[in-house]
Amino acid sequence: MKIAITSTGPDLSAEMDQRFGRAQLFLIVDTETGESTAVDNRQNLEAPQGAGIQAAGLVIDTGAEVLITGHCGPNAYKTLQAAGLKVIVGARGVNAEVLEQFKNGELSYTEGPDVEGHWS
């Protein structure tokens, strides 16, 4: 399974980014092989609006089935949900720790966004 983790750096040793739409990177991790790839989200960092929807499209294009982030707004959540992605919010820490929490079933899927739009 491929999961996307919002990240401040390009590997598992980096801290998770609490933002979704304006996250620095998305770390795409294949839970079966352990391989990870960093996907740059720079184009959405300074977007005046629509960052969440654009970032959602970027994550969807990676083939990820699950997104793990700190916070996710309503427009991004709707876009991710429409594409069939499951979303986990409220995670924090180093990417490797978050990945282990996911594998151990310690993180829960959300039923909706946890912040209003234009949250940063």
PDB file of N, CA and C in Angstrom:
ATOM      1  N   MET A   1       0.841  -1.173   0.000  1.00  0.00           N
ATOM      2  CA  MET A   1       0.000   0.000   0.000  1.00  0.00           C
ATOM      3  C   MET A   1       0.890   1.241   0.000  1.00  0.00           C
ATOM      4  N   LYS A   2       0.500   2.235  -0.766  1.00  0.00           N
ATOM      5  CA  LYS A   2       1.221   3.506  -0.779  1.00  0.00           C
ATOM      6  C   LYS A   2       0.507   4.485   0.145  1.00  0.00           C
ATOM      7  N   ILE A   3       1.300   5.126   1.001  1.00  0.00           N
ATOM      8  CA  ILE A   3       0.746   6.176   1.847  1.00  0.00           C
ATOM      9  C   ILE A   3       1.529   7.461   1.597  1.00  0.00           C
ATOM     10  N   ALA A   4       0.864   8.583   1.794  1.00  0.00           N
ATOM     11  CA  ALA A   4       1.492   9.900   1.669  1.00  0.00           C
ATOM     12  C   ALA A   4       1.550  10.527   3.053  1.00  0.00           C
ATOM     13  N   ILE A   5       2.712  11.027   3.414  1.00  0.00           N
ATOM     14  CA  ILE A   5       2.902  11.721   4.682  1.00  0.00           C
ATOM     15  C   ILE A   5       3.350  13.138   4.364  1.00  0.00           C
ATOM     16  N   THR A   6       2.686  14.137   4.941  1.00  0.00           N
ATOM     17  CA  THR A   6       3.143  15.512   4.748  1.00  0.00           C
ATOM     18  C   THR A   6       4.470  15.660   5.491  1.00  0.00           C
ATOM     19  N   SER A   7       5.477  16.222   4.820  1.00  0.00           N
ATOM     20  CA  SER A   7       6.827  16.202   5.373  1.00  0.00           C
ATOM     21  C   SER A   7       7.564  17.520   5.203  1.00  0.00           C
ATOM     22  N   THR A   8       8.473  17.777   6.143  1.00  0.00           N
ATOM     23  CA  THR A   8       9.338  18.954   6.048  1.00  0.00           C
ATOM     24  C   THR A   8      10.653  18.624   5.352  1.00  0.00           C
ATOM     25  N   GLY A   9      10.907  17.348   5.100  1.00  0.00           N
ATOM     26  CA  GLY A   9      12.141  16.930   4.451  1.00  0.00           C
ATOM     27  C   GLY A   9      11.926  15.699   3.603  1.00  0.00           C
ATOM     28  N   PRO A  10      12.945  15.294   2.828  1.00  0.00           N
ATOM     29  CA  PRO A  10      12.778  14.271   1.793  1.00  0.00           C
ATOM     30  C   PRO A  10      12.888  12.809   2.232  1.00  0.00           C
ATOM     31  N   ASP A  11      12.956  12.555   3.547  1.00  0.00           N
ATOM     32  CA  ASP A  11      13.095  11.158   3.957  1.00  0.00           C
ATOM     33  C   ASP A  11      12.411  10.892   5.295  1.00  0.00           C
ATOM     34  N   LEU A  12      12.512   9.661   5.755  1.00  0.00           N
ATOM     35  CA  LEU A  12      11.814   9.246   6.977  1.00  0.00           C
ATOM     36  C   LEU A  12      12.377   9.885   8.240  1.00  0.00           C
ATOM     37  N   SER A  13      13.582  10.445   8.183  1.00  0.00           N
ATOM     38  CA  SER A  13      14.172  11.072   9.364  1.00  0.00           C
ATOM     39  C   SER A  13      13.667  12.500   9.577  1.00  0.00           C
ATOM     40  N   ALA A  14      12.951  13.047   8.614  1.00  0.00           N
ATOM     41  CA  ALA A  14      12.432  14.421   8.708  1.00  0.00           C
ATOM     42  C   ALA A  14      11.177  14.473   9.575  1.00  0.00           C
ATOM     43  N   GLU A  15      10.878  15.657  10.058  1.00  0.00           N
ATOM     44  CA  GLU A  15       9.641  15.884  10.807  1.00  0.00           C
ATOM     45  C   GLU A  15       8.461  15.926   9.843  1.00  0.00           C
ATOM     46  N   MET A  16       7.342  15.449  10.303  1.00  0.00           N
ATOM     47  CA  MET A  16       6.107  15.557   9.542  1.00  0.00           C
ATOM     48  C   MET A  16       5.694  17.031   9.490  1.00  0.00           C
ATOM     49  N   ASP A  17       5.141  17.474   8.376  1.00  0.00           N
ATOM     50  CA  ASP A  17       4.624  18.840   8.242  1.00  0.00           C
ATOM     51  C   ASP A  17       3.175  18.811   8.697  1.00  0.00           C
ATOM     52  N   GLN A  18       2.793  19.708   9.576  1.00  0.00           N
ATOM     53  CA  GLN A  18       1.428  19.735  10.102  1.00  0.00           C
ATOM     54  C   GLN A  18       0.404  20.234   9.088  1.00  0.00           C
ATOM     55  N   ARG A  19       0.869  20.911   8.059  1.00  0.00           N
ATOM     56  CA  ARG A  19      -0.033  21.451   7.036  1.00  0.00           C
ATOM     57  C   ARG A  19      -0.198  20.431   5.920  1.00  0.00           C
ATOM     58  N   PHE A  20      -1.343  20.458   5.272  1.00  0.00           N
ATOM     59  CA  PHE A  20      -1.515  19.611   4.092  1.00  0.00           C
ATOM     60  C   PHE A  20      -1.260  20.406   2.824  1.00  0.00           C
ATOM     61  N   GLY A  21      -2.133  21.341   2.501  1.00  0.00           N
ATOM     62  CA  GLY A  21      -2.051  22.067   1.234  1.00  0.00           C
ATOM     63  C   GLY A  21      -0.757  22.817   1.038  1.00  0.00           C
ATOM     64  N   ARG A  22      -0.177  23.288   2.124  1.00  0.00           N
ATOM     65  CA  ARG A  22       1.063  24.053   2.054  1.00  0.00           C
ATOM     66  C   ARG A  22       2.251  23.292   2.665  1.00  0.00           C
ATOM     67  N   ALA A  23       2.136  21.976   2.700  1.00  0.00           N
ATOM     68  CA  ALA A  23       3.264  21.149   3.156  1.00  0.00           C
ATOM     69  C   ALA A  23       4.433  21.336   2.195  1.00  0.00           C
ATOM     70  N   GLN A  24       5.638  21.252   2.721  1.00  0.00           N
ATOM     71  CA  GLN A  24       6.817  21.393   1.862  1.00  0.00           C
ATOM     72  C   GLN A  24       6.905  20.244   0.861  1.00  0.00           C
ATOM     73  N   LEU A  25       6.679  19.035   1.367  1.00  0.00           N
ATOM     74  CA  LEU A  25       6.811  17.827   0.542  1.00  0.00           C
ATOM     75  C   LEU A  25       5.761  16.811   0.941  1.00  0.00           C
ATOM     76  N   PHE A  26       5.572  15.847   0.069  1.00  0.00           N
ATOM     77  CA  PHE A  26       4.810  14.654   0.417  1.00  0.00           C
ATOM     78  C   PHE A  26       5.772  13.493   0.305  1.00  0.00           C
ATOM     79  N   LEU A  27       5.904  12.741   1.374  1.00  0.00           N
ATOM     80  CA  LEU A  27       6.738  11.554   1.349  1.00  0.00           C
ATOM     81  C   LEU A  27       5.818  10.386   1.019  1.00  0.00           C
ATOM     82  N   ILE A  28       6.030   9.759  -0.131  1.00  0.00           N
ATOM     83  CA  ILE A  28       5.212   8.633  -0.572  1.00  0.00           C
ATOM     84  C   ILE A  28       5.956   7.366  -0.179  1.00  0.00           C
ATOM     85  N   VAL A  29       5.323   6.562   0.670  1.00  0.00           N
ATOM     86  CA  VAL A  29       5.963   5.365   1.202  1.00  0.00           C
ATOM     87  C   VAL A  29       5.170   4.132   0.784  1.00  0.00           C
ATOM     88  N   ASP A  30       5.876   3.164   0.227  1.00  0.00           N
ATOM     89  CA  ASP A  30       5.269   1.868  -0.081  1.00  0.00           C
ATOM     90  C   ASP A  30       5.459   1.010   1.167  1.00  0.00           C
ATOM     91  N   THR A  31       4.371   0.682   1.854  1.00  0.00           N
ATOM     92  CA  THR A  31       4.472  -0.041   3.121  1.00  0.00           C
ATOM     93  C   THR A  31       4.934  -1.481   2.933  1.00  0.00           C
ATOM     94  N   GLU A  32       4.837  -2.006   1.724  1.00  0.00           N
ATOM     95  CA  GLU A  32       5.271  -3.387   1.485  1.00  0.00           C
ATOM     96  C   GLU A  32       6.766  -3.479   1.206  1.00  0.00           C
ATOM     97  N   THR A  33       7.307  -2.523   0.453  1.00  0.00           N
ATOM     98  CA  THR A  33       8.730  -2.577   0.096  1.00  0.00           C
ATOM     99  C   THR A  33       9.598  -1.676   0.973  1.00  0.00           C
ATOM    100  N   GLY A  34       8.981  -0.693   1.632  1.00  0.00           N
ATOM    101  CA  GLY A  34       9.737   0.254   2.439  1.00  0.00           C
ATOM    102  C   GLY A  34      10.313   1.399   1.631  1.00  0.00           C
ATOM    103  N   GLU A  35      10.155   1.365   0.312  1.00  0.00           N
ATOM    104  CA  GLU A  35      10.665   2.446  -0.542  1.00  0.00           C
ATOM    105  C   GLU A  35       9.901   3.736  -0.285  1.00  0.00           C
ATOM    106  N   SER A  36      10.624   4.854  -0.338  1.00  0.00           N
ATOM    107  CA  SER A  36       9.969   6.153  -0.184  1.00  0.00           C
ATOM    108  C   SER A  36      10.479   7.115  -1.246  1.00  0.00           C
ATOM    109  N   THR A  37       9.604   8.003  -1.657  1.00  0.00           N
ATOM    110  CA  THR A  37       9.911   9.014  -2.662  1.00  0.00           C
ATOM    111  C   THR A  37       9.360  10.345  -2.184  1.00  0.00           C
ATOM    112  N   ALA A  38      10.146  11.389  -2.295  1.00  0.00           N
ATOM    113  CA  ALA A  38       9.687  12.727  -1.930  1.00  0.00           C
ATOM    114  C   ALA A  38       9.085  13.412  -3.152  1.00  0.00           C
ATOM    115  N   VAL A  39       7.907  13.992  -2.968  1.00  0.00           N
ATOM    116  CA  VAL A  39       7.223  14.730  -4.025  1.00  0.00           C
ATOM    117  C   VAL A  39       7.143  16.188  -3.585  1.00  0.00           C
ATOM    118  N   ASP A  40       7.741  17.070  -4.366  1.00  0.00           N
ATOM    119  CA  ASP A  40       7.811  18.494  -4.056  1.00  0.00           C
ATOM    120  C   ASP A  40       6.440  19.147  -4.180  1.00  0.00           C
ATOM    121  N   ASN A  41       6.079  19.927  -3.181  1.00  0.00           N
ATOM    122  CA  ASN A  41       4.810  20.661  -3.189  1.00  0.00           C
ATOM    123  C   ASN A  41       5.059  22.169  -3.226  1.00  0.00           C
ATOM    124  N   ARG A  42       6.241  22.557  -3.670  1.00  0.00           N
ATOM    125  CA  ARG A  42       6.646  23.967  -3.665  1.00  0.00           C
ATOM    126  C   ARG A  42       5.647  24.885  -4.385  1.00  0.00           C
ATOM    127  N   GLN A  43       5.054  24.399  -5.465  1.00  0.00           N
ATOM    128  CA  GLN A  43       4.142  25.239  -6.239  1.00  0.00           C
ATOM    129  C   GLN A  43       2.927  25.680  -5.437  1.00  0.00           C
ATOM    130  N   ASN A  44       2.622  24.982  -4.335  1.00  0.00           N
ATOM    131  CA  ASN A  44       1.449  25.344  -3.540  1.00  0.00           C
ATOM    132  C   ASN A  44       1.783  26.111  -2.262  1.00  0.00           C
ATOM    133  N   LEU A  45       3.048  26.258  -1.939  1.00  0.00           N
ATOM    134  CA  LEU A  45       3.432  26.929  -0.689  1.00  0.00           C
ATOM    135  C   LEU A  45       2.947  28.370  -0.634  1.00  0.00           C
ATOM    136  N   GLU A  46       3.028  29.069  -1.733  1.00  0.00           N
ATOM    137  CA  GLU A  46       2.659  30.487  -1.755  1.00  0.00           C
ATOM    138  C   GLU A  46       1.366  30.770  -2.513  1.00  0.00           C
ATOM    139  N   ALA A  47       0.620  29.734  -2.842  1.00  0.00           N
ATOM    140  CA  ALA A  47      -0.627  29.935  -3.594  1.00  0.00           C
ATOM    141  C   ALA A  47      -1.601  30.779  -2.776  1.00  0.00           C
ATOM    142  N   PRO A  48      -2.190  31.820  -3.379  1.00  0.00           N
ATOM    143  CA  PRO A  48      -3.118  32.659  -2.632  1.00  0.00           C
ATOM    144  C   PRO A  48      -4.403  31.924  -2.257  1.00  0.00           C
ATOM    145  N   GLN A  49      -4.777  30.955  -3.049  1.00  0.00           N
ATOM    146  CA  GLN A  49      -5.959  30.139  -2.744  1.00  0.00           C
ATOM    147  C   GLN A  49      -5.875  28.842  -3.543  1.00  0.00           C
ATOM    148  N   GLY A  50      -6.631  27.850  -3.104  1.00  0.00           N
ATOM    149  CA  GLY A  50      -6.678  26.585  -3.823  1.00  0.00           C
ATOM    150  C   GLY A  50      -5.519  25.646  -3.552  1.00  0.00           C
ATOM    151  N   ALA A  51      -4.667  25.967  -2.560  1.00  0.00           N
ATOM    152  CA  ALA A  51      -3.499  25.130  -2.282  1.00  0.00           C
ATOM    153  C   ALA A  51      -3.908  23.713  -1.900  1.00  0.00           C
ATOM    154  N   GLY A  52      -4.964  23.574  -1.095  1.00  0.00           N
ATOM    155  CA  GLY A  52      -5.403  22.255  -0.658  1.00  0.00           C
ATOM    156  C   GLY A  52      -5.894  21.388  -1.802  1.00  0.00           C
ATOM    157  N   ILE A  53      -6.658  21.976  -2.691  1.00  0.00           N
ATOM    158  CA  ILE A  53      -7.183  21.223  -3.831  1.00  0.00           C
ATOM    159  C   ILE A  53      -6.047  20.821  -4.770  1.00  0.00           C
ATOM    160  N   GLN A  54      -5.122  21.745  -5.019  1.00  0.00           N
ATOM    161  CA  GLN A  54      -3.984  21.435  -5.887  1.00  0.00           C
ATOM    162  C   GLN A  54      -3.090  20.357  -5.265  1.00  0.00           C
ATOM    163  N   ALA A  55      -2.854  20.471  -3.965  1.00  0.00           N
ATOM    164  CA  ALA A  55      -2.041  19.471  -3.274  1.00  0.00           C
ATOM    165  C   ALA A  55      -2.744  18.115  -3.290  1.00  0.00           C
ATOM    166  N   ALA A  56      -4.056  18.121  -3.147  1.00  0.00           N
ATOM    167  CA  ALA A  56      -4.816  16.866  -3.193  1.00  0.00           C
ATOM    168  C   ALA A  56      -4.623  16.188  -4.547  1.00  0.00           C
ATOM    169  N   GLY A  57      -4.678  16.983  -5.616  1.00  0.00           N
ATOM    170  CA  GLY A  57      -4.454  16.425  -6.949  1.00  0.00           C
ATOM    171  C   GLY A  57      -3.075  15.816  -7.086  1.00  0.00           C
ATOM    172  N   LEU A  58      -2.083  16.474  -6.504  1.00  0.00           N
ATOM    173  CA  LEU A  58      -0.710  15.977  -6.538  1.00  0.00           C
ATOM    174  C   LEU A  58      -0.606  14.624  -5.822  1.00  0.00           C
ATOM    175  N   VAL A  59      -1.223  14.519  -4.642  1.00  0.00           N
ATOM    176  CA  VAL A  59      -1.195  13.268  -3.878  1.00  0.00           C
ATOM    177  C   VAL A  59      -1.958  12.171  -4.615  1.00  0.00           C
ATOM    178  N   ILE A  60      -3.092  12.503  -5.176  1.00  0.00           N
ATOM    179  CA  ILE A  60      -3.889  11.529  -5.929  1.00  0.00           C
ATOM    180  C   ILE A  60      -3.073  10.959  -7.084  1.00  0.00           C
ATOM    181  N   ASP A  61      -2.333  11.829  -7.770  1.00  0.00           N
ATOM    182  CA  ASP A  61      -1.523  11.396  -8.912  1.00  0.00           C
ATOM    183  C   ASP A  61      -0.396  10.434  -8.531  1.00  0.00           C
ATOM    184  N   THR A  62      -0.013  10.398  -7.256  1.00  0.00           N
ATOM    185  CA  THR A  62       1.046   9.484  -6.821  1.00  0.00           C
ATOM    186  C   THR A  62       0.551   8.052  -6.673  1.00  0.00           C
ATOM    187  N   GLY A  63      -0.771   7.881  -6.628  1.00  0.00           N
ATOM    188  CA  GLY A  63      -1.325   6.546  -6.416  1.00  0.00           C
ATOM    189  C   GLY A  63      -1.461   6.171  -4.952  1.00  0.00           C
ATOM    190  N   ALA A  64      -1.235   7.125  -4.054  1.00  0.00           N
ATOM    191  CA  ALA A  64      -1.385   6.857  -2.622  1.00  0.00           C
ATOM    192  C   ALA A  64      -2.826   6.488  -2.302  1.00  0.00           C
ATOM    193  N   GLU A  65      -2.984   5.633  -1.318  1.00  0.00           N
ATOM    194  CA  GLU A  65      -4.310   5.214  -0.863  1.00  0.00           C
ATOM    195  C   GLU A  65      -4.689   5.874   0.456  1.00  0.00           C
ATOM    196  N   VAL A  66      -3.676   6.347   1.188  1.00  0.00           N
ATOM    197  CA  VAL A  66      -3.877   6.954   2.502  1.00  0.00           C
ATOM    198  C   VAL A  66      -3.022   8.206   2.586  1.00  0.00           C
ATOM    199  N   LEU A  67      -3.570   9.257   3.200  1.00  0.00           N
ATOM    200  CA  LEU A  67      -2.820  10.468   3.508  1.00  0.00           C
ATOM    201  C   LEU A  67      -2.737  10.593   5.019  1.00  0.00           C
ATOM    202  N   ILE A  68      -1.528  10.850   5.522  1.00  0.00           N
ATOM    203  CA  ILE A  68      -1.331  11.135   6.935  1.00  0.00           C
ATOM    204  C   ILE A  68      -0.806  12.555   7.045  1.00  0.00           C
ATOM    205  N   THR A  69      -1.515  13.387   7.808  1.00  0.00           N
ATOM    206  CA  THR A  69      -1.143  14.789   7.948  1.00  0.00           C
ATOM    207  C   THR A  69      -1.527  15.288   9.327  1.00  0.00           C
ATOM    208  N   GLY A  70      -1.130  16.505   9.613  1.00  0.00           N
ATOM    209  CA  GLY A  70      -1.529  17.129  10.870  1.00  0.00           C
ATOM    210  C   GLY A  70      -2.938  17.669  10.765  1.00  0.00           C
ATOM    211  N   HIS A  71      -3.186  18.423   9.683  1.00  0.00           N
ATOM    212  CA  HIS A  71      -4.482  19.075   9.502  1.00  0.00           C
ATOM    213  C   HIS A  71      -4.885  19.073   8.037  1.00  0.00           C
ATOM    214  N   CYS A  72      -6.188  19.005   7.796  1.00  0.00           N
ATOM    215  CA  CYS A  72      -6.720  18.982   6.433  1.00  0.00           C
ATOM    216  C   CYS A  72      -8.018  19.790   6.391  1.00  0.00           C
ATOM    217  N   GLY A  73      -8.085  20.740   5.468  1.00  0.00           N
ATOM    218  CA  GLY A  73      -9.255  21.585   5.333  1.00  0.00           C
ATOM    219  C   GLY A  73     -10.359  20.943   4.501  1.00  0.00           C
ATOM    220  N   PRO A  74     -11.515  21.610   4.426  1.00  0.00           N
ATOM    221  CA  PRO A  74     -12.695  21.014   3.797  1.00  0.00           C
ATOM    222  C   PRO A  74     -12.585  20.758   2.294  1.00  0.00           C
ATOM    223  N   ASN A  75     -12.019  21.676   1.542  1.00  0.00           N
ATOM    224  CA  ASN A  75     -11.946  21.474   0.088  1.00  0.00           C
ATOM    225  C   ASN A  75     -10.963  20.364  -0.266  1.00  0.00           C
ATOM    226  N   ALA A  76      -9.833  20.356   0.410  1.00  0.00           N
ATOM    227  CA  ALA A  76      -8.858  19.291   0.181  1.00  0.00           C
ATOM    228  C   ALA A  76      -9.443  17.946   0.591  1.00  0.00           C
ATOM    229  N   TYR A  77     -10.112  17.909   1.730  1.00  0.00           N
ATOM    230  CA  TYR A  77     -10.693  16.655   2.212  1.00  0.00           C
ATOM    231  C   TYR A  77     -11.709  16.104   1.207  1.00  0.00           C
ATOM    232  N   LYS A  78     -12.571  16.971   0.708  1.00  0.00           N
ATOM    233  CA  LYS A  78     -13.575  16.530  -0.268  1.00  0.00           C
ATOM    234  C   LYS A  78     -12.917  15.968  -1.531  1.00  0.00           C
ATOM    235  N   THR A  79     -11.862  16.623  -1.988  1.00  0.00           N
ATOM    236  CA  THR A  79     -11.154  16.174  -3.183  1.00  0.00           C
ATOM    237  C   THR A  79     -10.511  14.814  -2.949  1.00  0.00           C
ATOM    238  N   LEU A  80      -9.851  14.654  -1.815  1.00  0.00           N
ATOM    239  CA  LEU A  80      -9.212  13.377  -1.477  1.00  0.00           C
ATOM    240  C   LEU A  80     -10.249  12.270  -1.322  1.00  0.00           C
ATOM    241  N   GLN A  81     -11.331  12.573  -0.634  1.00  0.00           N
ATOM    242  CA  GLN A  81     -12.390  11.585  -0.408  1.00  0.00           C
ATOM    243  C   GLN A  81     -13.020  11.155  -1.725  1.00  0.00           C
ATOM    244  N   ALA A  82     -13.254  12.104  -2.625  1.00  0.00           N
ATOM    245  CA  ALA A  82     -13.857  11.787  -3.922  1.00  0.00           C
ATOM    246  C   ALA A  82     -12.976  10.838  -4.727  1.00  0.00           C
ATOM    247  N   ALA A  83     -11.656  10.907  -4.507  1.00  0.00           N
ATOM    248  CA  ALA A  83     -10.714  10.035  -5.217  1.00  0.00           C
ATOM    249  C   ALA A  83     -10.517   8.695  -4.492  1.00  0.00           C
ATOM    250  N   GLY A  84     -11.172   8.537  -3.348  1.00  0.00           N
ATOM    251  CA  GLY A  84     -11.090   7.273  -2.621  1.00  0.00           C
ATOM    252  C   GLY A  84      -9.953   7.176  -1.613  1.00  0.00           C
ATOM    253  N   LEU A  85      -9.242   8.280  -1.360  1.00  0.00           N
ATOM    254  CA  LEU A  85      -8.177   8.244  -0.360  1.00  0.00           C
ATOM    255  C   LEU A  85      -8.751   8.317   1.040  1.00  0.00           C
ATOM    256  N   LYS A  86      -8.149   7.574   1.947  1.00  0.00           N
ATOM    257  CA  LYS A  86      -8.482   7.665   3.362  1.00  0.00           C
ATOM    258  C   LYS A  86      -7.538   8.689   3.968  1.00  0.00           C
ATOM    259  N   VAL A  87      -8.044   9.469   4.928  1.00  0.00           N
ATOM    260  CA  VAL A  87      -7.269  10.563   5.505  1.00  0.00           C
ATOM    261  C   VAL A  87      -7.136  10.372   7.011  1.00  0.00           C
ATOM    262  N   ILE A  88      -5.923  10.578   7.492  1.00  0.00           N
ATOM    263  CA  ILE A  88      -5.635  10.570   8.921  1.00  0.00           C
ATOM    264  C   ILE A  88      -5.118  11.956   9.282  1.00  0.00           C
ATOM    265  N   VAL A  89      -5.733  12.606  10.266  1.00  0.00           N
ATOM    266  CA  VAL A  89      -5.260  13.908  10.748  1.00  0.00           C
ATOM    267  C   VAL A  89      -4.831  13.770  12.205  1.00  0.00           C
ATOM    268  N   GLY A  90      -4.089  14.755  12.676  1.00  0.00           N
ATOM    269  CA  GLY A  90      -3.683  14.782  14.071  1.00  0.00           C
ATOM    270  C   GLY A  90      -2.372  14.077  14.354  1.00  0.00           C
ATOM    271  N   ALA A  91      -1.732  13.528  13.335  1.00  0.00           N
ATOM    272  CA  ALA A  91      -0.439  12.868  13.542  1.00  0.00           C
ATOM    273  C   ALA A  91       0.635  13.928  13.709  1.00  0.00           C
ATOM    274  N   ARG A  92       1.700  13.556  14.399  1.00  0.00           N
ATOM    275  CA  ARG A  92       2.831  14.477  14.553  1.00  0.00           C
ATOM    276  C   ARG A  92       4.068  13.702  14.915  1.00  0.00           C
ATOM    277  N   GLY A  93       5.226  14.309  14.635  1.00  0.00           N
ATOM    278  CA  GLY A  93       6.493  13.674  14.967  1.00  0.00           C
ATOM    279  C   GLY A  93       7.350  13.434  13.745  1.00  0.00           C
ATOM    280  N   VAL A  94       8.341  12.595  13.918  1.00  0.00           N
ATOM    281  CA  VAL A  94       9.257  12.216  12.840  1.00  0.00           C
ATOM    282  C   VAL A  94       8.531  11.230  11.918  1.00  0.00           C
ATOM    283  N   ASN A  95       8.758  11.363  10.621  1.00  0.00           N
ATOM    284  CA  ASN A  95       8.059  10.523   9.641  1.00  0.00           C
ATOM    285  C   ASN A  95       8.176   9.030   9.948  1.00  0.00           C
ATOM    286  N   ALA A  96       9.344   8.565  10.340  1.00  0.00           N
ATOM    287  CA  ALA A  96       9.533   7.143  10.637  1.00  0.00           C
ATOM    288  C   ALA A  96       8.624   6.694  11.782  1.00  0.00           C
ATOM    289  N   GLU A  97       8.479   7.546  12.800  1.00  0.00           N
ATOM    290  CA  GLU A  97       7.612   7.219  13.931  1.00  0.00           C
ATOM    291  C   GLU A  97       6.144   7.186  13.502  1.00  0.00           C
ATOM    292  N   VAL A  98       5.765   8.142  12.677  1.00  0.00           N
ATOM    293  CA  VAL A  98       4.390   8.200  12.177  1.00  0.00           C
ATOM    294  C   VAL A  98       4.091   6.960  11.336  1.00  0.00           C
ATOM    295  N   LEU A  99       5.039   6.547  10.518  1.00  0.00           N
ATOM    296  CA  LEU A  99       4.875   5.348   9.704  1.00  0.00           C
ATOM    297  C   LEU A  99       4.674   4.120  10.593  1.00  0.00           C
ATOM    298  N   GLU A 100       5.460   4.003  11.647  1.00  0.00           N
ATOM    299  CA  GLU A 100       5.315   2.865  12.569  1.00  0.00           C
ATOM    300  C   GLU A 100       3.963   2.892  13.269  1.00  0.00           C
ATOM    301  N   GLN A 101       3.516   4.086  13.669  1.00  0.00           N
ATOM    302  CA  GLN A 101       2.201   4.211  14.295  1.00  0.00           C
ATOM    303  C   GLN A 101       1.111   3.739  13.339  1.00  0.00           C
ATOM    304  N   PHE A 102       1.257   4.089  12.063  1.00  0.00           N
ATOM    305  CA  PHE A 102       0.284   3.649  11.059  1.00  0.00           C
ATOM    306  C   PHE A 102       0.297   2.130  10.929  1.00  0.00           C
ATOM    307  N   LYS A 103       1.486   1.559  10.787  1.00  0.00           N
ATOM    308  CA  LYS A 103       1.610   0.110  10.629  1.00  0.00           C
ATOM    309  C   LYS A 103       1.068  -0.653  11.836  1.00  0.00           C
ATOM    310  N   ASN A 104       1.199  -0.054  13.031  1.00  0.00           N
ATOM    311  CA  ASN A 104       0.731  -0.698  14.254  1.00  0.00           C
ATOM    312  C   ASN A 104      -0.753  -0.449  14.544  1.00  0.00           C
ATOM    313  N   GLY A 105      -1.432   0.270  13.629  1.00  0.00           N
ATOM    314  CA  GLY A 105      -2.859   0.538  13.809  1.00  0.00           C
ATOM    315  C   GLY A 105      -3.161   1.553  14.891  1.00  0.00           C
ATOM    316  N   GLU A 106      -2.201   2.413  15.193  1.00  0.00           N
ATOM    317  CA  GLU A 106      -2.377   3.401  16.255  1.00  0.00           C
ATOM    318  C   GLU A 106      -2.986   4.716  15.780  1.00  0.00           C
ATOM    319  N   LEU A 107      -3.167   4.875  14.477  1.00  0.00           N
ATOM    320  CA  LEU A 107      -3.747   6.101  13.919  1.00  0.00           C
ATOM    321  C   LEU A 107      -5.132   5.797  13.373  1.00  0.00           C
ATOM    322  N   SER A 108      -6.044   6.762  13.506  1.00  0.00           N
ATOM    323  CA  SER A 108      -7.428   6.562  13.064  1.00  0.00           C
ATOM    324  C   SER A 108      -7.771   7.443  11.875  1.00  0.00           C
ATOM    325  N   TYR A 109      -8.579   6.899  10.980  1.00  0.00           N
ATOM    326  CA  TYR A 109      -9.054   7.677   9.831  1.00  0.00           C
ATOM    327  C   TYR A 109     -10.068   8.700  10.312  1.00  0.00           C
ATOM    328  N   THR A 110     -10.071   9.855   9.655  1.00  0.00           N
ATOM    329  CA  THR A 110     -10.999  10.916  10.012  1.00  0.00           C
ATOM    330  C   THR A 110     -12.268  10.820   9.166  1.00  0.00           C
ATOM    331  N   GLU A 111     -13.324  11.363   9.681  1.00  0.00           N
ATOM    332  CA  GLU A 111     -14.602  11.386   8.977  1.00  0.00           C
ATOM    333  C   GLU A 111     -14.846  12.726   8.296  1.00  0.00           C
ATOM    334  N   GLY A 112     -13.900  13.649   8.426  1.00  0.00           N
ATOM    335  CA  GLY A 112     -14.071  14.962   7.813  1.00  0.00           C
ATOM    336  C   GLY A 112     -12.880  15.842   8.094  1.00  0.00           C
ATOM    337  N   PRO A 113     -12.895  17.084   7.570  1.00  0.00           N
ATOM    338  CA  PRO A 113     -11.790  18.016   7.782  1.00  0.00           C
ATOM    339  C   PRO A 113     -11.709  18.405   9.257  1.00  0.00           C
ATOM    340  N   ASP A 114     -10.528  18.819   9.694  1.00  0.00           N
ATOM    341  CA  ASP A 114     -10.386  19.228  11.096  1.00  0.00           C
ATOM    342  C   ASP A 114     -10.092  20.722  11.252  1.00  0.00           C
ATOM    343  N   VAL A 115      -9.977  21.445  10.142  1.00  0.00           N
ATOM    344  CA  VAL A 115      -9.770  22.897  10.192  1.00  0.00           C
ATOM    345  C   VAL A 115     -10.607  23.554   9.093  1.00  0.00           C
ATOM    346  N   GLU A 116     -10.794  24.849   9.235  1.00  0.00           N
ATOM    347  CA  GLU A 116     -11.482  25.616   8.206  1.00  0.00           C
ATOM    348  C   GLU A 116     -10.543  25.832   7.031  1.00  0.00           C
ATOM    349  N   GLY A 117     -11.090  26.278   5.907  1.00  0.00           N
ATOM    350  CA  GLY A 117     -10.265  26.579   4.744  1.00  0.00           C
ATOM    351  C   GLY A 117      -9.274  27.688   5.043  1.00  0.00           C
ATOM    352  N   HIS A 118      -8.213  27.764   4.248  1.00  0.00           N
ATOM    353  CA  HIS A 118      -7.169  28.792   4.369  1.00  0.00           C
ATOM    354  C   HIS A 118      -6.448  28.747   5.689  1.00  0.00           C
ATOM    355  N   TRP A 119      -6.353  27.563   6.281  1.00  0.00           N
ATOM    356  CA  TRP A 119      -5.589  27.397   7.511  1.00  0.00           C
ATOM    357  C   TRP A 119      -4.124  27.290   7.149  1.00  0.00           C
ATOM    358  N   SER A 120      -3.269  27.889   7.912  1.00  0.00           N
ATOM    359  CA  SER A 120      -1.829  27.726   7.678  1.00  0.00           C
ATOM    360  C   SER A 120      -1.180  27.546   8.996  1.00  0.00           C
TER     361      SER A 120
END
